[in-house]
Amino acid sequence: MQFDVTDTDSALIILVGESRIDAAIATSFKDKLREVILRHRKPVEMRMSSVDFMDSSGLGAMIALRKAMPQDLGMSLIGMTPNVERVFRLTRMDSVFDIRAAATDEEQKE
């Protein structure tokens, strides 16, 4: 399972290093990240630019992670590739998740 976690004052930043979130890894992905997210109890910024493919199992894992979080904490999905973003839009999960483009180099410096 490839992901890096950075705990900042305001959020938990998770950099997903997997190229695919599919049936082969969805359950372990969900279980490991749920443990991390619940331990820190902060809003989550999930950086998704490395993920090129996500199937329904991967989408289910993301939904389970969101449901496991307290209602008052947000989860942002940042920098999704077009293929992965399409999965969220076709299933209307883009109305459940805060989906944002990746920050530009200038925005990251601020």
PDB file of N, CA and C in Angstrom:
ATOM      1  N   MET A   1       0.850  -1.170   0.000  1.00  0.00           N
ATOM      2  CA  MET A   1       0.000   0.000   0.000  1.00  0.00           C
ATOM      3  C   MET A   1       0.892   1.228   0.000  1.00  0.00           C
ATOM      4  N   GLN A   2       0.707   2.089  -0.985  1.00  0.00           N
ATOM      5  CA  GLN A   2       1.568   3.253  -1.114  1.00  0.00           C
ATOM      6  C   GLN A   2       0.793   4.532  -0.832  1.00  0.00           C
ATOM      7  N   PHE A   3       1.094   5.136   0.318  1.00  0.00           N
ATOM      8  CA  PHE A   3       0.582   6.468   0.625  1.00  0.00           C
ATOM      9  C   PHE A   3       1.466   7.086   1.697  1.00  0.00           C
ATOM     10  N   ASP A   4       1.572   8.401   1.651  1.00  0.00           N
ATOM     11  CA  ASP A   4       2.334   9.154   2.647  1.00  0.00           C
ATOM     12  C   ASP A   4       1.370  10.071   3.376  1.00  0.00           C
ATOM     13  N   VAL A   5       1.548  10.182   4.675  1.00  0.00           N
ATOM     14  CA  VAL A   5       0.664  10.990   5.501  1.00  0.00           C
ATOM     15  C   VAL A   5       1.466  12.122   6.129  1.00  0.00           C
ATOM     16  N   THR A   6       0.955  13.344   5.994  1.00  0.00           N
ATOM     17  CA  THR A   6       1.545  14.511   6.633  1.00  0.00           C
ATOM     18  C   THR A   6       0.488  15.130   7.529  1.00  0.00           C
ATOM     19  N   ASP A   7       0.803  15.260   8.792  1.00  0.00           N
ATOM     20  CA  ASP A   7      -0.119  15.832   9.768  1.00  0.00           C
ATOM     21  C   ASP A   7       0.233  17.300   9.966  1.00  0.00           C
ATOM     22  N   THR A   8      -0.594  18.193   9.427  1.00  0.00           N
ATOM     23  CA  THR A   8      -0.373  19.629   9.601  1.00  0.00           C
ATOM     24  C   THR A   8      -1.284  20.128  10.716  1.00  0.00           C
ATOM     25  N   ASP A   9      -1.159  21.396  11.060  1.00  0.00           N
ATOM     26  CA  ASP A   9      -2.021  21.963  12.101  1.00  0.00           C
ATOM     27  C   ASP A   9      -3.492  21.910  11.717  1.00  0.00           C
ATOM     28  N   SER A  10      -3.781  22.113  10.433  1.00  0.00           N
ATOM     29  CA  SER A  10      -5.175  22.238  10.013  1.00  0.00           C
ATOM     30  C   SER A  10      -5.768  21.006   9.342  1.00  0.00           C
ATOM     31  N   ALA A  11      -4.923  20.097   8.842  1.00  0.00           N
ATOM     32  CA  ALA A  11      -5.467  18.960   8.083  1.00  0.00           C
ATOM     33  C   ALA A  11      -4.485  17.798   8.062  1.00  0.00           C
ATOM     34  N   LEU A  12      -5.018  16.673   7.687  1.00  0.00           N
ATOM     35  CA  LEU A  12      -4.223  15.476   7.444  1.00  0.00           C
ATOM     36  C   LEU A  12      -4.087  15.358   5.926  1.00  0.00           C
ATOM     37  N   ILE A  13      -2.871  15.447   5.421  1.00  0.00           N
ATOM     38  CA  ILE A  13      -2.645  15.387   3.982  1.00  0.00           C
ATOM     39  C   ILE A  13      -2.156  13.980   3.636  1.00  0.00           C
ATOM     40  N   ILE A  14      -2.898  13.316   2.756  1.00  0.00           N
ATOM     41  CA  ILE A  14      -2.559  11.960   2.353  1.00  0.00           C
ATOM     42  C   ILE A  14      -2.213  11.977   0.872  1.00  0.00           C
ATOM     43  N   LEU A  15      -0.986  11.627   0.566  1.00  0.00           N
ATOM     44  CA  LEU A  15      -0.524  11.546  -0.813  1.00  0.00           C
ATOM     45  C   LEU A  15      -0.623  10.084  -1.238  1.00  0.00           C
ATOM     46  N   VAL A  16      -1.585   9.790  -2.106  1.00  0.00           N
ATOM     47  CA  VAL A  16      -1.811   8.422  -2.557  1.00  0.00           C
ATOM     48  C   VAL A  16      -0.798   8.111  -3.654  1.00  0.00           C
ATOM     49  N   GLY A  17      -0.015   7.039  -3.470  1.00  0.00           N
ATOM     50  CA  GLY A  17       1.015   6.667  -4.426  1.00  0.00           C
ATOM     51  C   GLY A  17       0.634   5.511  -5.337  1.00  0.00           C
ATOM     52  N   GLU A  18      -0.558   4.982  -5.154  1.00  0.00           N
ATOM     53  CA  GLU A  18      -1.026   3.868  -5.982  1.00  0.00           C
ATOM     54  C   GLU A  18      -1.478   4.382  -7.343  1.00  0.00           C
ATOM     55  N   SER A  19      -1.206   3.625  -8.407  1.00  0.00           N
ATOM     56  CA  SER A  19      -1.697   4.019  -9.725  1.00  0.00           C
ATOM     57  C   SER A  19      -3.107   3.480  -9.966  1.00  0.00           C
ATOM     58  N   ARG A  20      -3.483   2.438  -9.215  1.00  0.00           N
ATOM     59  CA  ARG A  20      -4.810   1.828  -9.358  1.00  0.00           C
ATOM     60  C   ARG A  20      -5.410   1.587  -7.976  1.00  0.00           C
ATOM     61  N   ILE A  21      -6.661   1.966  -7.829  1.00  0.00           N
ATOM     62  CA  ILE A  21      -7.417   1.585  -6.631  1.00  0.00           C
ATOM     63  C   ILE A  21      -8.568   0.742  -7.146  1.00  0.00           C
ATOM     64  N   ASP A  22      -8.357  -0.571  -7.071  1.00  0.00           N
ATOM     65  CA  ASP A  22      -9.318  -1.514  -7.638  1.00  0.00           C
ATOM     66  C   ASP A  22      -9.568  -2.652  -6.652  1.00  0.00           C
ATOM     67  N   ALA A  23     -10.262  -3.670  -7.104  1.00  0.00           N
ATOM     68  CA  ALA A  23     -10.648  -4.778  -6.233  1.00  0.00           C
ATOM     69  C   ALA A  23      -9.441  -5.437  -5.562  1.00  0.00           C
ATOM     70  N   ALA A  24      -8.293  -5.406  -6.209  1.00  0.00           N
ATOM     71  CA  ALA A  24      -7.105  -6.055  -5.650  1.00  0.00           C
ATOM     72  C   ALA A  24      -6.607  -5.388  -4.374  1.00  0.00           C
ATOM     73  N   ILE A  25      -6.799  -4.065  -4.237  1.00  0.00           N
ATOM     74  CA  ILE A  25      -6.264  -3.374  -3.058  1.00  0.00           C
ATOM     75  C   ILE A  25      -7.304  -2.583  -2.284  1.00  0.00           C
ATOM     76  N   ALA A  26      -8.529  -2.487  -2.776  1.00  0.00           N
ATOM     77  CA  ALA A  26      -9.521  -1.590  -2.179  1.00  0.00           C
ATOM     78  C   ALA A  26      -9.741  -1.843  -0.693  1.00  0.00           C
ATOM     79  N   THR A  27      -9.866  -3.088  -0.286  1.00  0.00           N
ATOM     80  CA  THR A  27     -10.152  -3.386   1.116  1.00  0.00           C
ATOM     81  C   THR A  27      -8.990  -2.993   2.025  1.00  0.00           C
ATOM     82  N   SER A  28      -7.775  -3.354   1.646  1.00  0.00           N
ATOM     83  CA  SER A  28      -6.632  -2.990   2.489  1.00  0.00           C
ATOM     84  C   SER A  28      -6.401  -1.482   2.476  1.00  0.00           C
ATOM     85  N   PHE A  29      -6.617  -0.841   1.331  1.00  0.00           N
ATOM     86  CA  PHE A  29      -6.517   0.616   1.220  1.00  0.00           C
ATOM     87  C   PHE A  29      -7.475   1.275   2.206  1.00  0.00           C
ATOM     88  N   LYS A  30      -8.720   0.849   2.181  1.00  0.00           N
ATOM     89  CA  LYS A  30      -9.745   1.405   3.069  1.00  0.00           C
ATOM     90  C   LYS A  30      -9.390   1.167   4.535  1.00  0.00           C
ATOM     91  N   ASP A  31      -9.033  -0.053   4.882  1.00  0.00           N
ATOM     92  CA  ASP A  31      -8.756  -0.390   6.277  1.00  0.00           C
ATOM     93  C   ASP A  31      -7.578   0.394   6.843  1.00  0.00           C
ATOM     94  N   LYS A  32      -6.493   0.490   6.084  1.00  0.00           N
ATOM     95  CA  LYS A  32      -5.310   1.200   6.569  1.00  0.00           C
ATOM     96  C   LYS A  32      -5.556   2.704   6.673  1.00  0.00           C
ATOM     97  N   LEU A  33      -6.219   3.259   5.674  1.00  0.00           N
ATOM     98  CA  LEU A  33      -6.480   4.703   5.728  1.00  0.00           C
ATOM     99  C   LEU A  33      -7.526   5.052   6.784  1.00  0.00           C
ATOM    100  N   ARG A  34      -8.506   4.202   6.975  1.00  0.00           N
ATOM    101  CA  ARG A  34      -9.515   4.469   8.016  1.00  0.00           C
ATOM    102  C   ARG A  34      -8.832   4.578   9.378  1.00  0.00           C
ATOM    103  N   GLU A  35      -7.914   3.679   9.651  1.00  0.00           N
ATOM    104  CA  GLU A  35      -7.184   3.700  10.921  1.00  0.00           C
ATOM    105  C   GLU A  35      -6.428   5.022  11.091  1.00  0.00           C
ATOM    106  N   VAL A  36      -5.740   5.454  10.046  1.00  0.00           N
ATOM    107  CA  VAL A  36      -4.976   6.709  10.088  1.00  0.00           C
ATOM    108  C   VAL A  36      -5.912   7.896  10.281  1.00  0.00           C
ATOM    109  N   ILE A  37      -6.984   7.952   9.511  1.00  0.00           N
ATOM    110  CA  ILE A  37      -7.906   9.081   9.561  1.00  0.00           C
ATOM    111  C   ILE A  37      -8.574   9.193  10.924  1.00  0.00           C
ATOM    112  N   LEU A  38      -9.032   8.087  11.466  1.00  0.00           N
ATOM    113  CA  LEU A  38      -9.719   8.124  12.761  1.00  0.00           C
ATOM    114  C   LEU A  38      -8.767   8.447  13.907  1.00  0.00           C
ATOM    115  N   ARG A  39      -7.522   8.053  13.789  1.00  0.00           N
ATOM    116  CA  ARG A  39      -6.543   8.352  14.833  1.00  0.00           C
ATOM    117  C   ARG A  39      -6.251   9.852  14.907  1.00  0.00           C
ATOM    118  N   HIS A  40      -6.224  10.537  13.772  1.00  0.00           N
ATOM    119  CA  HIS A  40      -5.859  11.954  13.742  1.00  0.00           C
ATOM    120  C   HIS A  40      -7.050  12.895  13.914  1.00  0.00           C
ATOM    121  N   ARG A  41      -8.217  12.494  13.497  1.00  0.00           N
ATOM    122  CA  ARG A  41      -9.454  13.269  13.658  1.00  0.00           C
ATOM    123  C   ARG A  41      -9.298  14.731  13.204  1.00  0.00           C
ATOM    124  N   LYS A  42      -8.898  14.876  11.949  1.00  0.00           N
ATOM    125  CA  LYS A  42      -8.749  16.189  11.312  1.00  0.00           C
ATOM    126  C   LYS A  42      -9.356  16.116   9.924  1.00  0.00           C
ATOM    127  N   PRO A  43      -9.658  17.265   9.322  1.00  0.00           N
ATOM    128  CA  PRO A  43     -10.065  17.242   7.913  1.00  0.00           C
ATOM    129  C   PRO A  43      -8.975  16.576   7.076  1.00  0.00           C
ATOM    130  N   VAL A  44      -9.386  15.930   5.993  1.00  0.00           N
ATOM    131  CA  VAL A  44      -8.457  15.174   5.157  1.00  0.00           C
ATOM    132  C   VAL A  44      -8.357  15.809   3.776  1.00  0.00           C
ATOM    133  N   GLU A  45      -7.126  15.981   3.314  1.00  0.00           N
ATOM    134  CA  GLU A  45      -6.847  16.378   1.935  1.00  0.00           C
ATOM    135  C   GLU A  45      -6.141  15.202   1.292  1.00  0.00           C
ATOM    136  N   MET A  46      -6.842  14.507   0.390  1.00  0.00           N
ATOM    137  CA  MET A  46      -6.275  13.337  -0.257  1.00  0.00           C
ATOM    138  C   MET A  46      -5.787  13.733  -1.642  1.00  0.00           C
ATOM    139  N   ARG A  47      -4.469  13.678  -1.830  1.00  0.00           N
ATOM    140  CA  ARG A  47      -3.843  14.038  -3.100  1.00  0.00           C
ATOM    141  C   ARG A  47      -3.866  12.800  -3.999  1.00  0.00           C
ATOM    142  N   MET A  48      -4.582  12.908  -5.124  1.00  0.00           N
ATOM    143  CA  MET A  48      -4.908  11.746  -5.958  1.00  0.00           C
ATOM    144  C   MET A  48      -4.232  11.734  -7.338  1.00  0.00           C
ATOM    145  N   SER A  49      -3.267  12.585  -7.578  1.00  0.00           N
ATOM    146  CA  SER A  49      -2.724  12.742  -8.939  1.00  0.00           C
ATOM    147  C   SER A  49      -2.025  11.489  -9.470  1.00  0.00           C
ATOM    148  N   SER A  50      -1.613  10.568  -8.627  1.00  0.00           N
ATOM    149  CA  SER A  50      -0.951   9.340  -9.092  1.00  0.00           C
ATOM    150  C   SER A  50      -1.932   8.250  -9.497  1.00  0.00           C
ATOM    151  N   VAL A  51      -3.190   8.400  -9.109  1.00  0.00           N
ATOM    152  CA  VAL A  51      -4.184   7.355  -9.363  1.00  0.00           C
ATOM    153  C   VAL A  51      -4.731   7.511 -10.784  1.00  0.00           C
ATOM    154  N   ASP A  52      -4.425   6.529 -11.644  1.00  0.00           N
ATOM    155  CA  ASP A  52      -4.868   6.560 -13.034  1.00  0.00           C
ATOM    156  C   ASP A  52      -6.154   5.779 -13.263  1.00  0.00           C
ATOM    157  N   PHE A  53      -6.466   4.853 -12.341  1.00  0.00           N
ATOM    158  CA  PHE A  53      -7.632   3.988 -12.531  1.00  0.00           C
ATOM    159  C   PHE A  53      -8.294   3.706 -11.191  1.00  0.00           C
ATOM    160  N   MET A  54      -9.623   3.762 -11.189  1.00  0.00           N
ATOM    161  CA  MET A  54     -10.393   3.391 -10.008  1.00  0.00           C
ATOM    162  C   MET A  54     -11.647   2.675 -10.483  1.00  0.00           C
ATOM    163  N   ASP A  55     -11.893   1.486  -9.928  1.00  0.00           N
ATOM    164  CA  ASP A  55     -13.115   0.760 -10.277  1.00  0.00           C
ATOM    165  C   ASP A  55     -14.146   0.946  -9.159  1.00  0.00           C
ATOM    166  N   SER A  56     -15.250   0.219  -9.246  1.00  0.00           N
ATOM    167  CA  SER A  56     -16.320   0.373  -8.256  1.00  0.00           C
ATOM    168  C   SER A  56     -15.867  -0.023  -6.853  1.00  0.00           C
ATOM    169  N   SER A  57     -14.927  -0.954  -6.748  1.00  0.00           N
ATOM    170  CA  SER A  57     -14.395  -1.326  -5.431  1.00  0.00           C
ATOM    171  C   SER A  57     -13.612  -0.166  -4.821  1.00  0.00           C
ATOM    172  N   GLY A  58     -12.840   0.503  -5.638  1.00  0.00           N
ATOM    173  CA  GLY A  58     -12.103   1.671  -5.175  1.00  0.00           C
ATOM    174  C   GLY A  58     -13.030   2.802  -4.770  1.00  0.00           C
ATOM    175  N   LEU A  59     -14.067   3.011  -5.576  1.00  0.00           N
ATOM    176  CA  LEU A  59     -15.053   4.032  -5.235  1.00  0.00           C
ATOM    177  C   LEU A  59     -15.738   3.679  -3.916  1.00  0.00           C
ATOM    178  N   GLY A  60     -16.085   2.422  -3.745  1.00  0.00           N
ATOM    179  CA  GLY A  60     -16.697   1.973  -2.489  1.00  0.00           C
ATOM    180  C   GLY A  60     -15.779   2.212  -1.302  1.00  0.00           C
ATOM    181  N   ALA A  61     -14.482   2.000  -1.483  1.00  0.00           N
ATOM    182  CA  ALA A  61     -13.519   2.245  -0.410  1.00  0.00           C
ATOM    183  C   ALA A  61     -13.491   3.727  -0.039  1.00  0.00           C
ATOM    184  N   MET A  62     -13.527   4.594  -1.042  1.00  0.00           N
ATOM    185  CA  MET A  62     -13.530   6.038  -0.777  1.00  0.00           C
ATOM    186  C   MET A  62     -14.803   6.457  -0.029  1.00  0.00           C
ATOM    187  N   ILE A  63     -15.927   5.894  -0.430  1.00  0.00           N
ATOM    188  CA  ILE A  63     -17.195   6.210   0.240  1.00  0.00           C
ATOM    189  C   ILE A  63     -17.151   5.722   1.687  1.00  0.00           C
ATOM    190  N   ALA A  64     -16.625   4.528   1.911  1.00  0.00           N
ATOM    191  CA  ALA A  64     -16.521   3.996   3.273  1.00  0.00           C
ATOM    192  C   ALA A  64     -15.624   4.880   4.138  1.00  0.00           C
ATOM    193  N   LEU A  65     -14.535   5.392   3.566  1.00  0.00           N
ATOM    194  CA  LEU A  65     -13.661   6.294   4.314  1.00  0.00           C
ATOM    195  C   LEU A  65     -14.397   7.568   4.690  1.00  0.00           C
ATOM    196  N   ARG A  66     -15.149   8.110   3.736  1.00  0.00           N
ATOM    197  CA  ARG A  66     -15.894   9.343   4.011  1.00  0.00           C
ATOM    198  C   ARG A  66     -16.936   9.117   5.097  1.00  0.00           C
ATOM    199  N   LYS A  67     -17.638   7.985   5.036  1.00  0.00           N
ATOM    200  CA  LYS A  67     -18.665   7.678   6.037  1.00  0.00           C
ATOM    201  C   LYS A  67     -18.073   7.446   7.419  1.00  0.00           C
ATOM    202  N   ALA A  68     -16.833   6.970   7.484  1.00  0.00           N
ATOM    203  CA  ALA A  68     -16.189   6.703   8.767  1.00  0.00           C
ATOM    204  C   ALA A  68     -15.775   7.986   9.482  1.00  0.00           C
ATOM    205  N   MET A  69     -15.678   9.074   8.733  1.00  0.00           N
ATOM    206  CA  MET A  69     -15.255  10.341   9.321  1.00  0.00           C
ATOM    207  C   MET A  69     -16.407  11.019  10.035  1.00  0.00           C
ATOM    208  N   PRO A  70     -16.109  11.750  11.112  1.00  0.00           N
ATOM    209  CA  PRO A  70     -17.153  12.550  11.753  1.00  0.00           C
ATOM    210  C   PRO A  70     -17.745  13.551  10.759  1.00  0.00           C
ATOM    211  N   GLN A  71     -19.030  13.820  10.888  1.00  0.00           N
ATOM    212  CA  GLN A  71     -19.741  14.710   9.958  1.00  0.00           C
ATOM    213  C   GLN A  71     -19.104  16.099   9.857  1.00  0.00           C
ATOM    214  N   ASP A  72     -18.538  16.589  10.950  1.00  0.00           N
ATOM    215  CA  ASP A  72     -18.014  17.956  10.954  1.00  0.00           C
ATOM    216  C   ASP A  72     -16.628  18.078  10.319  1.00  0.00           C
ATOM    217  N   LEU A  73     -16.035  16.964   9.927  1.00  0.00           N
ATOM    218  CA  LEU A  73     -14.731  16.998   9.273  1.00  0.00           C
ATOM    219  C   LEU A  73     -14.891  16.737   7.781  1.00  0.00           C
ATOM    220  N   GLY A  74     -14.193  17.502   6.982  1.00  0.00           N
ATOM    221  CA  GLY A  74     -14.314  17.353   5.538  1.00  0.00           C
ATOM    222  C   GLY A  74     -13.256  16.448   4.948  1.00  0.00           C
ATOM    223  N   MET A  75     -13.543  15.971   3.736  1.00  0.00           N
ATOM    224  CA  MET A  75     -12.577  15.203   2.963  1.00  0.00           C
ATOM    225  C   MET A  75     -12.519  15.806   1.566  1.00  0.00           C
ATOM    226  N   SER A  76     -11.354  16.306   1.194  1.00  0.00           N
ATOM    227  CA  SER A  76     -11.152  16.872  -0.131  1.00  0.00           C
ATOM    228  C   SER A  76     -10.304  15.918  -0.954  1.00  0.00           C
ATOM    229  N   LEU A  77     -10.707  15.717  -2.197  1.00  0.00           N
ATOM    230  CA  LEU A  77      -9.948  14.901  -3.141  1.00  0.00           C
ATOM    231  C   LEU A  77      -9.311  15.865  -4.130  1.00  0.00           C
ATOM    232  N   ILE A  78      -8.000  15.876  -4.166  1.00  0.00           N
ATOM    233  CA  ILE A  78      -7.284  16.920  -4.892  1.00  0.00           C
ATOM    234  C   ILE A  78      -6.447  16.322  -6.018  1.00  0.00           C
ATOM    235  N   GLY A  79      -6.550  16.941  -7.194  1.00  0.00           N
ATOM    236  CA  GLY A  79      -5.696  16.586  -8.322  1.00  0.00           C
ATOM    237  C   GLY A  79      -6.017  15.257  -8.983  1.00  0.00           C
ATOM    238  N   MET A  80      -7.281  14.928  -9.067  1.00  0.00           N
ATOM    239  CA  MET A  80      -7.657  13.658  -9.704  1.00  0.00           C
ATOM    240  C   MET A  80      -7.360  13.684 -11.198  1.00  0.00           C
ATOM    241  N   THR A  81      -6.968  12.534 -11.714  1.00  0.00           N
ATOM    242  CA  THR A  81      -6.799  12.395 -13.160  1.00  0.00           C
ATOM    243  C   THR A  81      -8.192  12.381 -13.801  1.00  0.00           C
ATOM    244  N   PRO A  82      -8.287  12.720 -15.075  1.00  0.00           N
ATOM    245  CA  PRO A  82      -9.595  12.749 -15.739  1.00  0.00           C
ATOM    246  C   PRO A  82     -10.365  11.428 -15.647  1.00  0.00           C
ATOM    247  N   ASN A  83      -9.672  10.283 -15.772  1.00  0.00           N
ATOM    248  CA  ASN A  83     -10.366   8.990 -15.696  1.00  0.00           C
ATOM    249  C   ASN A  83     -11.004   8.768 -14.335  1.00  0.00           C
ATOM    250  N   VAL A  84     -10.293   9.101 -13.284  1.00  0.00           N
ATOM    251  CA  VAL A  84     -10.815   8.896 -11.931  1.00  0.00           C
ATOM    252  C   VAL A  84     -11.921   9.905 -11.634  1.00  0.00           C
ATOM    253  N   GLU A  85     -11.720  11.137 -12.040  1.00  0.00           N
ATOM    254  CA  GLU A  85     -12.762  12.145 -11.817  1.00  0.00           C
ATOM    255  C   GLU A  85     -14.050  11.765 -12.540  1.00  0.00           C
ATOM    256  N   ARG A  86     -13.929  11.159 -13.704  1.00  0.00           N
ATOM    257  CA  ARG A  86     -15.103  10.714 -14.466  1.00  0.00           C
ATOM    258  C   ARG A  86     -15.927   9.694 -13.668  1.00  0.00           C
ATOM    259  N   VAL A  87     -15.251   8.794 -12.966  1.00  0.00           N
ATOM    260  CA  VAL A  87     -15.949   7.802 -12.135  1.00  0.00           C
ATOM    261  C   VAL A  87     -16.805   8.511 -11.079  1.00  0.00           C
ATOM    262  N   PHE A  88     -16.255   9.535 -10.457  1.00  0.00           N
ATOM    263  CA  PHE A  88     -16.996  10.278  -9.435  1.00  0.00           C
ATOM    264  C   PHE A  88     -18.165  11.048 -10.043  1.00  0.00           C
ATOM    265  N   ARG A  89     -17.955  11.634 -11.206  1.00  0.00           N
ATOM    266  CA  ARG A  89     -19.036  12.404 -11.837  1.00  0.00           C
ATOM    267  C   ARG A  89     -20.163  11.495 -12.339  1.00  0.00           C
ATOM    268  N   LEU A  90     -19.816  10.362 -12.970  1.00  0.00           N
ATOM    269  CA  LEU A  90     -20.834   9.449 -13.501  1.00  0.00           C
ATOM    270  C   LEU A  90     -21.702   8.853 -12.401  1.00  0.00           C
ATOM    271  N   THR A  91     -21.114   8.654 -11.231  1.00  0.00           N
ATOM    272  CA  THR A  91     -21.866   8.086 -10.104  1.00  0.00           C
ATOM    273  C   THR A  91     -22.447   9.169  -9.193  1.00  0.00           C
ATOM    274  N   ARG A  92     -22.237  10.408  -9.582  1.00  0.00           N
ATOM    275  CA  ARG A  92     -22.702  11.582  -8.833  1.00  0.00           C
ATOM    276  C   ARG A  92     -22.075  11.710  -7.448  1.00  0.00           C
ATOM    277  N   MET A  93     -20.983  11.060  -7.258  1.00  0.00           N
ATOM    278  CA  MET A  93     -20.252  11.183  -5.996  1.00  0.00           C
ATOM    279  C   MET A  93     -19.506  12.508  -5.918  1.00  0.00           C
ATOM    280  N   ASP A  94     -19.467  13.223  -7.041  1.00  0.00           N
ATOM    281  CA  ASP A  94     -18.869  14.556  -7.007  1.00  0.00           C
ATOM    282  C   ASP A  94     -19.708  15.520  -6.176  1.00  0.00           C
ATOM    283  N   SER A  95     -20.953  15.140  -5.869  1.00  0.00           N
ATOM    284  CA  SER A  95     -21.785  15.969  -4.994  1.00  0.00           C
ATOM    285  C   SER A  95     -21.576  15.618  -3.520  1.00  0.00           C
ATOM    286  N   VAL A  96     -20.914  14.512  -3.256  1.00  0.00           N
ATOM    287  CA  VAL A  96     -20.648  14.065  -1.885  1.00  0.00           C
ATOM    288  C   VAL A  96     -19.252  14.499  -1.440  1.00  0.00           C
ATOM    289  N   PHE A  97     -18.307  14.442  -2.360  1.00  0.00           N
ATOM    290  CA  PHE A  97     -16.916  14.776  -2.056  1.00  0.00           C
ATOM    291  C   PHE A  97     -16.586  16.172  -2.552  1.00  0.00           C
ATOM    292  N   ASP A  98     -15.666  16.823  -1.853  1.00  0.00           N
ATOM    293  CA  ASP A  98     -15.113  18.102  -2.281  1.00  0.00           C
ATOM    294  C   ASP A  98     -13.958  17.767  -3.235  1.00  0.00           C
ATOM    295  N   ILE A  99     -14.192  17.963  -4.533  1.00  0.00           N
ATOM    296  CA  ILE A  99     -13.190  17.626  -5.548  1.00  0.00           C
ATOM    297  C   ILE A  99     -12.551  18.916  -6.037  1.00  0.00           C
ATOM    298  N   ARG A 100     -11.215  18.955  -5.961  1.00  0.00           N
ATOM    299  CA  ARG A 100     -10.495  20.160  -6.362  1.00  0.00           C
ATOM    300  C   ARG A 100      -9.338  19.814  -7.287  1.00  0.00           C
ATOM    301  N   ALA A 101      -9.000  20.762  -8.133  1.00  0.00           N
ATOM    302  CA  ALA A 101      -7.825  20.606  -8.998  1.00  0.00           C
ATOM    303  C   ALA A 101      -6.568  20.699  -8.136  1.00  0.00           C
ATOM    304  N   ALA A 102      -5.485  20.160  -8.626  1.00  0.00           N
ATOM    305  CA  ALA A 102      -4.210  20.261  -7.912  1.00  0.00           C
ATOM    306  C   ALA A 102      -3.770  21.713  -7.879  1.00  0.00           C
ATOM    307  N   ALA A 103      -3.130  22.090  -6.797  1.00  0.00           N
ATOM    308  CA  ALA A 103      -2.621  23.451  -6.673  1.00  0.00           C
ATOM    309  C   ALA A 103      -1.469  23.646  -7.653  1.00  0.00           C
ATOM    310  N   THR A 104      -1.410  24.830  -8.225  1.00  0.00           N
ATOM    311  CA  THR A 104      -0.278  25.158  -9.099  1.00  0.00           C
ATOM    312  C   THR A 104       0.951  25.414  -8.234  1.00  0.00           C
ATOM    313  N   ASP A 105       2.117  25.472  -8.857  1.00  0.00           N
ATOM    314  CA  ASP A 105       3.344  25.720  -8.112  1.00  0.00           C
ATOM    315  C   ASP A 105       3.269  27.051  -7.362  1.00  0.00           C
ATOM    316  N   GLU A 106       2.676  28.059  -7.973  1.00  0.00           N
ATOM    317  CA  GLU A 106       2.548  29.373  -7.333  1.00  0.00           C
ATOM    318  C   GLU A 106       1.654  29.301  -6.102  1.00  0.00           C
ATOM    319  N   GLU A 107       0.530  28.584  -6.205  1.00  0.00           N
ATOM    320  CA  GLU A 107      -0.397  28.458  -5.082  1.00  0.00           C
ATOM    321  C   GLU A 107       0.242  27.697  -3.928  1.00  0.00           C
ATOM    322  N   GLN A 108       1.077  26.704  -4.228  1.00  0.00           N
ATOM    323  CA  GLN A 108       1.723  25.925  -3.180  1.00  0.00           C
ATOM    324  C   GLN A 108       2.736  26.745  -2.412  1.00  0.00           C
ATOM    325  N   LYS A 109       3.321  27.790  -3.030  1.00  0.00           N
ATOM    326  CA  LYS A 109       4.305  28.635  -2.364  1.00  0.00           C
ATOM    327  C   LYS A 109       3.678  29.574  -1.355  1.00  0.00           C
ATOM    328  N   GLU A 110       2.386  29.878  -1.521  1.00  0.00           N
ATOM    329  CA  GLU A 110       1.722  30.839  -0.640  1.00  0.00           C
ATOM    330  C   GLU A 110       1.501  30.288   0.739  1.00  0.00           C
TER     331      GLU A 110
END
